[in-house]
C-alpha atoms as a PDB file:
ATOM      1  CA  MET A   1      95.192 102.765 135.527  1.00  0.00           C
ATOM      2  CA  ALA A   2      95.181 103.025 139.291  1.00  0.00           C
ATOM      3  CA  GLY A   3      94.875  99.369 140.197  1.00  0.00           C
ATOM      4  CA  PHE A   4      96.461  96.846 142.477  1.00  0.00           C
ATOM      5  CA  SER A   5      98.139  93.500 141.931  1.00  0.00           C
ATOM      6  CA  GLN A   6      99.279  90.603 144.045  1.00  0.00           C
ATOM      7  CA  ASN A   7     101.248  87.444 143.332  1.00  0.00           C
ATOM      8  CA  THR A   8     101.191  84.257 145.342  1.00  0.00           C
ATOM      9  CA  ILE A   9     102.483  80.713 144.931  1.00  0.00           C
ATOM     10  CA  LEU A  10     100.121  77.760 145.370  1.00  0.00           C
ATOM     11  CA  ASN A  11     101.384  74.215 145.846  1.00  0.00           C
ATOM     12  CA  PHE A  12      99.199  72.721 143.118  1.00  0.00           C
ATOM     13  CA  GLU A  13      99.518  71.849 139.431  1.00  0.00           C
ATOM     14  CA  ILE A  14      98.657  74.702 137.088  1.00  0.00           C
ATOM     15  CA  ASP A  15      95.668  72.822 135.605  1.00  0.00           C
ATOM     16  CA  ALA A  16      94.176  72.276 139.075  1.00  0.00           C
ATOM     17  CA  VAL A  17      94.565  75.972 139.931  1.00  0.00           C
ATOM     18  CA  TYR A  18      93.086  77.019 136.579  1.00  0.00           C
ATOM     19  CA  ASP A  19      90.053  74.754 137.047  1.00  0.00           C
ATOM     20  CA  ALA A  20      89.611  76.004 140.630  1.00  0.00           C
ATOM     21  CA  ALA A  21      89.698  79.622 139.444  1.00  0.00           C
ATOM     22  CA  LEU A  22      87.106  78.903 136.746  1.00  0.00           C
ATOM     23  CA  ARG A  23      84.778  77.479 139.403  1.00  0.00           C
ATOM     24  CA  ALA A  24      85.529  80.127 142.023  1.00  0.00           C
ATOM     25  CA  ILE A  25      85.290  83.434 140.179  1.00  0.00           C
ATOM     26  CA  PRO A  26      81.786  83.117 138.639  1.00  0.00           C
ATOM     27  CA  ALA A  27      80.478  81.977 142.043  1.00  0.00           C
ATOM     28  CA  LEU A  28      81.589  85.219 143.714  1.00  0.00           C
ATOM     29  CA  LYS A  29      78.814  87.724 144.332  1.00  0.00           C
ATOM     30  CA  GLY A  30      79.068  90.614 141.883  1.00  0.00           C
ATOM     31  CA  PHE A  31      81.759  88.986 139.704  1.00  0.00           C
ATOM     32  CA  LYS A  32      81.201  87.982 136.092  1.00  0.00           C
ATOM     33  CA  LEU A  33      83.550  85.869 133.983  1.00  0.00           C
ATOM     34  CA  VAL A  34      84.387  87.765 130.775  1.00  0.00           C
ATOM     35  CA  ARG A  35      86.768  85.392 128.994  1.00  0.00           C
ATOM     36  CA  GLU A  36      89.360  82.753 129.670  1.00  0.00           C
ATOM     37  CA  SER A  37      92.164  80.987 127.862  1.00  0.00           C
ATOM     38  CA  LYS A  38      93.624  77.697 128.948  1.00  0.00           C
ATOM     39  CA  VAL A  39      96.359  78.127 126.328  1.00  0.00           C
ATOM     40  CA  SER A  40      97.744  81.187 128.149  1.00  0.00           C
ATOM     41  CA  TYR A  41      96.259  80.289 131.571  1.00  0.00           C
ATOM     42  CA  THR A  42      94.513  83.638 131.901  1.00  0.00           C
ATOM     43  CA  ILE A  43      91.064  84.533 133.185  1.00  0.00           C
ATOM     44  CA  PHE A  44      89.358  87.903 132.872  1.00  0.00           C
ATOM     45  CA  ALA A  45      86.406  88.976 134.993  1.00  0.00           C
ATOM     46  CA  LYS A  46      84.617  92.159 135.945  1.00  0.00           C
ATOM     47  CA  THR A  47      82.519  93.527 138.745  1.00  0.00           C
ATOM     48  CA  GLY A  48      79.445  95.604 138.191  1.00  0.00           C
ATOM     49  CA  VAL A  49      78.567  99.203 138.911  1.00  0.00           C
ATOM     50  CA  THR A  50      77.793 100.020 142.536  1.00  0.00           C
ATOM     51  CA  LEU A  51      76.912 103.149 144.420  1.00  0.00           C
ATOM     52  CA  PHE A  52      80.633 103.790 144.970  1.00  0.00           C
ATOM     53  CA  SER A  53      82.236 102.399 141.814  1.00  0.00           C
ATOM     54  CA  TYR A  54      81.879 102.011 138.059  1.00  0.00           C
ATOM     55  CA  GLY A  55      83.131  98.475 138.587  1.00  0.00           C
ATOM     56  CA  GLU A  56      86.521  96.840 138.213  1.00  0.00           C
ATOM     57  CA  ASN A  57      88.337  94.695 135.674  1.00  0.00           C
ATOM     58  CA  ILE A  58      90.082  91.684 137.169  1.00  0.00           C
ATOM     59  CA  SER A  59      92.688  89.490 135.522  1.00  0.00           C
ATOM     60  CA  VAL A  60      94.155  86.253 136.823  1.00  0.00           C
ATOM     61  CA  SER A  61      97.331  84.910 135.227  1.00  0.00           C
ATOM     62  CA  LEU A  62      98.877  81.563 136.093  1.00  0.00           C
ATOM     63  CA  THR A  63     102.461  80.433 135.562  1.00  0.00           C
ATOM     64  CA  GLU A  64     103.939  77.071 136.472  1.00  0.00           C
ATOM     65  CA  THR A  65     107.062  77.842 138.507  1.00  0.00           C
ATOM     66  CA  GLU A  66     108.064  74.220 139.126  1.00  0.00           C
ATOM     67  CA  GLN A  67     106.331  70.868 139.382  1.00  0.00           C
ATOM     68  CA  ASN A  68     103.212  71.199 141.573  1.00  0.00           C
ATOM     69  CA  LYS A  69     103.788  74.923 142.144  1.00  0.00           C
ATOM     70  CA  THR A  70     101.820  77.645 140.381  1.00  0.00           C
ATOM     71  CA  SER A  71     102.313  81.405 140.530  1.00  0.00           C
ATOM     72  CA  VAL A  72      98.981  83.228 140.632  1.00  0.00           C
ATOM     73  CA  SER A  73      98.950  86.911 139.662  1.00  0.00           C
ATOM     74  CA  VAL A  74      95.719  88.841 140.269  1.00  0.00           C
ATOM     75  CA  ILE A  75      95.219  92.410 139.061  1.00  0.00           C
ATOM     76  CA  SER A  76      92.171  94.544 139.878  1.00  0.00           C
ATOM     77  CA  GLU A  77      91.723  97.936 138.209  1.00  0.00           C
ATOM     78  CA  PRO A  78      88.846 100.406 138.133  1.00  0.00           C
ATOM     79  CA  LYS A  79      87.035 100.360 134.785  1.00  0.00           C
ATOM     80  CA  MET A  80      87.114 104.145 134.613  1.00  0.00           C
ATOM     81  CA  GLY A  81      90.592 104.648 136.076  1.00  0.00           C
ATOM     82  CA  ALA A  82      92.188 105.900 132.860  1.00  0.00           C
ATOM     83  CA  LEU A  83      89.513 108.547 132.397  1.00  0.00           C
ATOM     84  CA  PHE A  84      89.280 109.814 135.926  1.00  0.00           C
ATOM     85  CA  GLY A  85      92.832 109.190 137.195  1.00  0.00           C
ATOM     86  CA  ALA A  86      93.223 110.553 140.705  1.00  0.00           C
ATOM     87  CA  ILE A  87      89.474 110.620 141.321  1.00  0.00           C
ATOM     88  CA  ALA A  88      89.200 106.896 140.613  1.00  0.00           C
ATOM     89  CA  ALA A  89      92.175 106.186 142.875  1.00  0.00           C
ATOM     90  CA  MET A  90      90.658 108.240 145.711  1.00  0.00           C
ATOM     91  CA  GLU A  91      87.276 106.578 145.316  1.00  0.00           C
ATOM     92  CA  ASP A  92      88.825 103.098 145.267  1.00  0.00           C
ATOM     93  CA  ALA A  93      88.619 102.961 149.085  1.00  0.00           C
ATOM     94  CA  GLY A  94      90.392  99.610 149.094  1.00  0.00           C
ATOM     95  CA  LYS A  95      87.952  97.983 146.631  1.00  0.00           C
ATOM     96  CA  ASN A  96      90.674  96.640 144.322  1.00  0.00           C
ATOM     97  CA  GLN A  97      92.641  95.178 147.213  1.00  0.00           C
ATOM     98  CA  ARG A  98      89.463  93.523 148.523  1.00  0.00           C
ATOM     99  CA  ASN A  99      88.744  92.091 145.065  1.00  0.00           C
ATOM    100  CA  ILE A 100      92.196  90.503 144.972  1.00  0.00           C
ATOM    101  CA  LYS A 101      91.817  89.059 148.466  1.00  0.00           C
ATOM    102  CA  VAL A 102      88.365  87.645 147.676  1.00  0.00           C
ATOM    103  CA  VAL A 103      89.540  86.063 144.395  1.00  0.00           C
ATOM    104  CA  LEU A 104      92.616  84.447 145.962  1.00  0.00           C
ATOM    105  CA  GLU A 105      90.631  83.111 148.934  1.00  0.00           C
ATOM    106  CA  ALA A 106      87.967  81.687 146.617  1.00  0.00           C
ATOM    107  CA  ILE A 107      90.583  79.887 144.489  1.00  0.00           C
ATOM    108  CA  LYS A 108      92.276  78.473 147.599  1.00  0.00           C
ATOM    109  CA  ASN A 109      88.914  77.282 148.948  1.00  0.00           C
ATOM    110  CA  GLN A 110      88.209  75.447 145.688  1.00  0.00           C
ATOM    111  CA  LEU A 111      91.544  73.642 146.035  1.00  0.00           C
ATOM    112  CA  LYS A 112      90.751  72.268 149.526  1.00  0.00           C
END
């Protein structure tokens, strides 16, 4: 799929980041929580169909890198990317990158 990903390190315990993400993502306009697993520290969400997109699949994966430091990996991919390849990538218009930015900012805001 033609998606984007970004990793960042947050200076918080993994459980605090996980709980913040679970509060943040469903509160974002147009985002819906699909499933989550505290065992693997993963969260899956999606965005809906718009005039310019069939929506995106978003995954958030957390890994404890050291005490009070958590690596956050966010991936955003078009739902139809595998079927439409280059067309989906051209029509992305920065949507996946914006999704990642919005998700990371929302998690950080919940940790304040």
